[in-house]
Amino acid sequence: MTDELVNMTSQEVKRYLDENSVDQYNLVDVRQGWEYEEYHLPGAALIPLPELADRLNEIRSDRPTIVYCAAGGRSAAAANLLKGQGFTDVYNMLGGIKSWKNEYAIGPQSLGMIYFSGNETALEILYLAYGMEISIASFYTKTASSVTPELAETFKSLARFEEGHKAKIFGAARQLDPSLKTREAMEVKAAAGKVLEGGITLEEFLERTRNYLDFPNGALEAAMIFEAQALDLYMRCSKKAANSSSAEILRWLAQEEKGHLKILGSMLERKAANP
């Protein structure tokens, strides 16, 4: 990413809101509707994370934007997505609304994307995308064994989709580099993509957030963070890809990840309706 994620504590957000009029900033809640109805910050606009990419026109890009969720993970992904789409003054509220209510929040504050500098070639972008798909598929496969049967089936299905994405990316990479003969060779090229920004591997992330994943909605929220980061990467990279075929594939991948986010969002809604 070209810009580092900027965080604000809940106390800093409170102070900022107190010192500025409501027409000077955007305050965006990226949780689900039922979460918003339970409690939300005054004046916050509800744009659930699965809908964010399709509703960017509802957010004034000429104003500072503060995003928040329950614990800070989904909003960090949302902030990165906004920055990737040209929003320059974006802040993630650390700890989410739980910290605002002075409750102790457990969960990933910000899960780094695969590193994207903005200077990659079309082939390097495909390597990054392949690495992202490896991480997402691995997350679903590893997590499926520790969640409810219904969620496990969804995660397994999503993991199969990600495997299909890898095949499509590999095909596009071979068009740009005919010497790339096997999927194994592609995985070697994409090996750096297995490490999240800041040098955190998928395994380290799962270890650090093991307790969080035990929470009723923890695994779903973590999955939404991953999918939002993939969407962010593909939306950014599709604008940069010089090769029209690569750009088309990246746009297709972005649409796929949008669909996955909506599936996960619907599951959160169902869990709320049938706790």
Protein backbone atom coordinates (compact mmCIF):
# COMPACT_ATOMS: atom_id res chain seq x y z
CA MET A 1 0.00 0.00 0.00
CA THR A 2 1.18 3.51 -0.69
CA ASP A 3 -0.14 5.01 2.54
CA GLU A 4 0.03 3.60 6.04
CA LEU A 5 -3.20 3.05 7.95
CA VAL A 6 -3.83 5.87 10.45
CA ASN A 7 -5.50 4.90 13.72
CA MET A 8 -7.28 7.04 16.31
CA THR A 9 -8.14 5.92 19.83
CA SER A 10 -11.75 6.26 20.94
CA GLN A 11 -10.69 9.16 23.16
CA GLU A 12 -9.13 10.94 20.17
CA VAL A 13 -12.29 10.37 18.14
CA LYS A 14 -14.44 11.74 20.95
CA ARG A 15 -12.29 14.84 21.14
CA TYR A 16 -12.36 15.29 17.36
CA LEU A 17 -16.16 15.00 17.18
CA ASP A 18 -16.55 17.47 20.05
CA GLU A 19 -14.28 20.03 18.36
CA ASN A 20 -15.77 19.83 14.84
CA SER A 21 -19.24 20.36 13.42
CA VAL A 22 -21.06 17.44 11.81
CA ASP A 23 -20.70 18.91 8.32
CA GLN A 24 -16.90 18.82 8.55
CA TYR A 25 -16.34 15.05 8.59
CA ASN A 26 -17.72 11.63 7.62
CA LEU A 27 -18.42 9.15 10.42
CA VAL A 28 -19.04 5.68 9.01
CA ASP A 29 -20.18 2.55 10.86
CA VAL A 30 -19.21 -0.56 8.84
CA ARG A 31 -20.95 -3.12 11.07
CA GLN A 32 -24.16 -4.95 10.15
CA GLY A 33 -27.56 -3.32 10.50
CA TRP A 34 -28.54 -5.19 13.66
CA GLU A 35 -25.31 -4.12 15.35
CA TYR A 36 -26.00 -0.50 14.40
CA GLU A 37 -29.52 -0.69 15.85
CA GLU A 38 -28.20 -1.91 19.19
CA TYR A 39 -25.82 1.02 19.62
CA HIS A 40 -24.03 3.47 17.35
CA LEU A 41 -22.24 6.77 17.53
CA PRO A 42 -24.52 9.80 17.04
CA GLY A 43 -24.57 10.91 13.44
CA ALA A 44 -22.83 7.83 12.09
CA ALA A 45 -23.83 6.62 8.62
CA LEU A 46 -24.39 2.87 8.36
CA ILE A 47 -22.55 1.31 5.41
CA PRO A 48 -21.83 -2.37 6.21
CA LEU A 49 -18.42 -3.59 5.07
CA PRO A 50 -19.90 -5.99 2.47
CA GLU A 51 -21.63 -3.00 0.80
CA LEU A 52 -18.85 -0.43 1.07
CA ALA A 53 -17.28 -0.88 -2.37
CA ASP A 54 -20.68 -0.32 -4.03
CA ARG A 55 -21.60 2.73 -1.92
CA LEU A 56 -18.47 4.88 -2.09
CA ASN A 57 -20.51 7.67 -3.69
CA GLU A 58 -22.35 8.14 -0.38
CA ILE A 59 -19.16 9.32 1.35
CA ARG A 60 -17.77 12.82 0.74
CA SER A 61 -14.18 12.35 -0.41
CA ASP A 62 -13.34 16.00 0.38
CA ARG A 63 -13.86 15.51 4.12
CA PRO A 64 -11.95 13.55 6.78
CA THR A 65 -13.52 10.11 7.24
CA ILE A 66 -13.58 8.14 10.50
CA VAL A 67 -14.60 4.48 10.27
CA TYR A 68 -15.43 2.13 13.12
CA CYS A 69 -16.83 -1.33 13.74
CA ALA A 70 -17.15 -3.53 16.84
CA ALA A 71 -13.48 -4.09 17.72
CA GLY A 72 -11.44 -2.36 15.02
CA GLY A 73 -10.73 -5.15 12.54
CA ARG A 74 -13.46 -4.64 9.95
CA SER A 75 -13.01 -0.87 10.09
CA ALA A 76 -9.25 -1.22 9.47
CA ALA A 77 -10.05 -3.18 6.31
CA ALA A 78 -12.64 -0.54 5.36
CA ALA A 79 -10.14 2.29 5.90
CA ASN A 80 -7.61 0.59 3.65
CA LEU A 81 -10.27 0.11 0.97
CA LEU A 82 -11.25 3.78 1.12
CA LYS A 83 -7.63 4.92 0.86
CA GLY A 84 -7.16 2.66 -2.13
CA GLN A 85 -10.09 4.37 -3.85
CA GLY A 86 -8.73 7.89 -3.44
CA PHE A 87 -9.94 8.92 0.02
CA THR A 88 -6.87 10.65 1.43
CA ASP A 89 -7.92 11.61 4.96
CA VAL A 90 -9.13 8.36 6.57
CA TYR A 91 -8.94 7.21 10.20
CA ASN A 92 -9.67 3.86 11.82
CA MET A 93 -11.04 3.92 15.39
CA LEU A 94 -8.95 1.49 17.44
CA GLY A 95 -10.94 -0.88 19.60
CA GLY A 96 -14.17 -0.07 17.80
CA ILE A 97 -17.40 0.79 19.53
CA LYS A 98 -16.53 -1.57 22.39
CA SER A 99 -13.71 0.73 23.40
CA TRP A 100 -16.06 3.71 23.06
CA LYS A 101 -18.33 2.08 25.61
CA ASN A 102 -15.30 1.40 27.81
CA GLU A 103 -15.57 -2.32 27.33
CA TYR A 104 -12.58 -4.56 26.79
CA ALA A 105 -12.35 -5.54 23.14
CA ILE A 106 -10.56 -8.67 21.96
CA GLY A 107 -9.73 -8.97 18.31
CA PRO A 108 -7.42 -7.97 15.50
CA GLN A 109 -6.95 -4.21 15.57
CA SER A 110 -5.59 -4.17 12.04
CA LEU A 111 -4.70 -7.09 9.85
CA GLY A 112 -2.15 -5.97 7.28
CA MET A 113 -2.67 -6.50 3.60
CA ILE A 114 -0.13 -8.11 1.36
CA TYR A 115 2.41 -5.37 0.74
CA PHE A 116 1.50 -3.28 -2.31
CA SER A 117 3.76 -0.34 -3.15
CA GLY A 118 1.93 0.82 -6.25
CA ASN A 119 5.00 0.38 -8.46
CA GLU A 120 4.55 -3.28 -9.39
CA THR A 121 4.46 -4.57 -12.96
CA ALA A 122 1.36 -6.39 -14.23
CA LEU A 123 3.08 -9.75 -13.60
CA GLU A 124 4.11 -8.76 -10.08
CA ILE A 125 0.51 -7.73 -9.35
CA LEU A 126 -0.63 -11.22 -10.38
CA TYR A 127 1.95 -12.75 -8.05
CA LEU A 128 0.56 -10.61 -5.22
CA ALA A 129 -2.99 -11.66 -6.08
CA TYR A 130 -1.95 -15.32 -6.11
CA GLY A 131 -0.33 -14.89 -2.71
CA MET A 132 -3.51 -13.29 -1.37
CA GLU A 133 -5.57 -16.24 -2.62
CA ILE A 134 -3.17 -18.67 -0.93
CA SER A 135 -3.63 -16.81 2.38
CA ILE A 136 -7.43 -16.66 2.15
CA ALA A 137 -7.83 -20.31 1.12
CA SER A 138 -5.48 -21.37 3.94
CA PHE A 139 -7.44 -19.30 6.45
CA TYR A 140 -10.73 -20.97 5.47
CA THR A 141 -9.23 -24.45 5.48
CA LYS A 142 -7.49 -24.03 8.85
CA THR A 143 -10.48 -22.34 10.51
CA ALA A 144 -13.17 -24.72 9.21
CA SER A 145 -12.19 -27.37 11.75
CA SER A 146 -12.87 -25.09 14.74
CA VAL A 147 -16.23 -23.50 13.90
CA THR A 148 -19.87 -24.62 13.79
CA PRO A 149 -20.85 -27.19 11.11
CA GLU A 150 -22.84 -24.58 9.14
CA LEU A 151 -19.96 -22.12 9.13
CA ALA A 152 -17.48 -24.90 8.38
CA GLU A 153 -19.40 -25.82 5.20
CA THR A 154 -19.45 -22.18 4.12
CA PHE A 155 -15.72 -21.82 4.77
CA LYS A 156 -14.96 -25.00 2.83
CA SER A 157 -17.03 -23.74 -0.11
CA LEU A 158 -15.25 -20.38 -0.05
CA ALA A 159 -11.87 -22.15 0.09
CA ARG A 160 -12.82 -24.02 -3.11
CA PHE A 161 -13.71 -20.72 -4.77
CA GLU A 162 -10.31 -19.33 -3.85
CA GLU A 163 -8.66 -22.37 -5.45
CA GLY A 164 -10.52 -21.54 -8.65
CA HIS A 165 -9.27 -17.97 -8.41
CA LYS A 166 -5.70 -19.23 -8.19
CA ALA A 167 -6.16 -21.19 -11.42
CA LYS A 168 -7.44 -18.12 -13.25
CA ILE A 169 -4.59 -15.94 -11.96
CA PHE A 170 -2.05 -18.58 -13.00
CA GLY A 171 -3.48 -18.60 -16.52
CA ALA A 172 -3.16 -14.83 -16.77
CA ALA A 173 0.43 -14.94 -15.46
CA ARG A 174 1.39 -17.54 -18.06
CA GLN A 175 0.17 -15.22 -20.81
CA LEU A 176 2.61 -12.59 -19.56
CA ASP A 177 5.43 -15.04 -18.84
CA PRO A 178 5.33 -18.17 -21.06
CA SER A 179 8.30 -19.60 -19.13
CA LEU A 180 6.01 -20.06 -16.12
CA LYS A 181 5.15 -23.73 -16.66
CA THR A 182 3.65 -25.03 -13.41
CA ARG A 183 1.49 -23.96 -10.47
CA GLU A 184 4.42 -24.90 -8.22
CA ALA A 185 6.59 -22.32 -9.98
CA MET A 186 3.82 -19.75 -9.52
CA GLU A 187 3.68 -20.52 -5.79
CA VAL A 188 7.41 -19.93 -5.49
CA LYS A 189 7.01 -16.54 -7.20
CA ALA A 190 4.09 -15.67 -4.94
CA ALA A 191 5.75 -16.89 -1.73
CA ALA A 192 6.19 -13.32 -0.47
CA GLY A 193 2.42 -12.91 -0.64
CA LYS A 194 2.01 -15.42 2.16
CA VAL A 195 3.42 -12.84 4.57
CA LEU A 196 1.07 -10.07 5.60
CA GLU A 197 2.27 -6.49 5.81
CA GLY A 198 4.65 -6.01 8.72
CA GLY A 199 6.06 -9.53 8.34
CA ILE A 200 3.13 -11.36 9.96
CA THR A 201 2.41 -14.78 8.49
CA LEU A 202 -1.05 -16.33 8.34
CA GLU A 203 0.00 -18.85 11.02
CA GLU A 204 1.15 -16.05 13.34
CA PHE A 205 -2.12 -14.20 12.81
CA LEU A 206 -4.16 -17.31 13.67
CA GLU A 207 -2.04 -17.89 16.78
CA ARG A 208 -2.38 -14.29 17.97
CA THR A 209 -6.15 -14.25 17.46
CA ARG A 210 -6.96 -17.77 18.66
CA ASN A 211 -9.11 -16.50 21.55
CA TYR A 212 -10.87 -14.01 19.30
CA LEU A 213 -11.82 -16.78 16.86
CA ASP A 214 -13.54 -18.57 19.75
CA PHE A 215 -16.05 -15.72 20.07
CA PRO A 216 -19.47 -16.41 18.43
CA ASN A 217 -18.88 -14.04 15.52
CA GLY A 218 -15.09 -13.89 15.68
CA ALA A 219 -14.37 -16.25 12.79
CA LEU A 220 -16.95 -14.53 10.58
CA GLU A 221 -15.50 -11.10 11.31
CA ALA A 222 -11.96 -12.34 10.61
CA ALA A 223 -13.14 -13.82 7.31
CA MET A 224 -14.75 -10.50 6.37
CA ILE A 225 -11.47 -8.73 7.12
CA PHE A 226 -9.59 -11.08 4.79
CA GLU A 227 -12.15 -10.75 2.00
CA ALA A 228 -12.23 -6.95 2.31
CA GLN A 229 -8.45 -6.82 2.02
CA ALA A 230 -8.56 -9.00 -1.08
CA LEU A 231 -11.23 -6.72 -2.55
CA ASP A 232 -9.09 -3.69 -1.72
CA LEU A 233 -6.03 -5.22 -3.40
CA TYR A 234 -7.91 -6.21 -6.55
CA MET A 235 -9.69 -2.86 -6.90
CA ARG A 236 -6.40 -0.98 -6.57
CA CYS A 237 -4.44 -3.28 -8.86
CA SER A 238 -7.08 -3.38 -11.60
CA LYS A 239 -6.56 0.36 -12.06
CA LYS A 240 -2.81 -0.10 -12.45
CA ALA A 241 -2.61 -3.24 -14.58
CA ALA A 242 -1.24 -2.23 -17.97
CA ASN A 243 -2.31 -5.51 -19.57
CA SER A 244 -6.05 -5.45 -20.36
CA SER A 245 -6.39 -9.19 -19.77
CA SER A 246 -4.85 -8.88 -16.30
CA ALA A 247 -7.06 -5.89 -15.49
CA GLU A 248 -10.15 -7.83 -16.53
CA ILE A 249 -9.22 -10.77 -14.31
CA LEU A 250 -8.54 -8.47 -11.37
CA ARG A 251 -11.94 -6.80 -11.83
CA TRP A 252 -13.54 -10.24 -11.95
CA LEU A 253 -11.73 -11.22 -8.74
CA ALA A 254 -12.94 -8.01 -7.08
CA GLN A 255 -16.54 -8.90 -7.99
CA GLU A 256 -16.02 -12.41 -6.60
CA GLU A 257 -14.74 -11.04 -3.28
CA LYS A 258 -17.71 -8.66 -3.12
CA GLY A 259 -19.95 -11.71 -3.39
CA HIS A 260 -18.04 -13.51 -0.65
CA LEU A 261 -18.37 -10.50 1.65
CA LYS A 262 -22.13 -10.49 1.10
CA ILE A 263 -22.35 -14.21 1.93
CA LEU A 264 -20.47 -13.62 5.19
CA GLY A 265 -22.57 -10.55 5.99
CA SER A 266 -25.76 -12.57 5.48
CA MET A 267 -24.45 -15.23 7.85
CA LEU A 268 -23.84 -12.57 10.50
CA GLU A 269 -27.42 -11.39 10.04
CA ARG A 270 -28.76 -14.95 10.41
CA LYS A 271 -26.70 -15.56 13.55
CA ALA A 272 -28.15 -12.39 15.06
CA ALA A 273 -31.71 -13.45 14.20
CA ASN A 274 -31.14 -16.98 15.56
CA PRO A 275 -28.56 -16.69 18.37
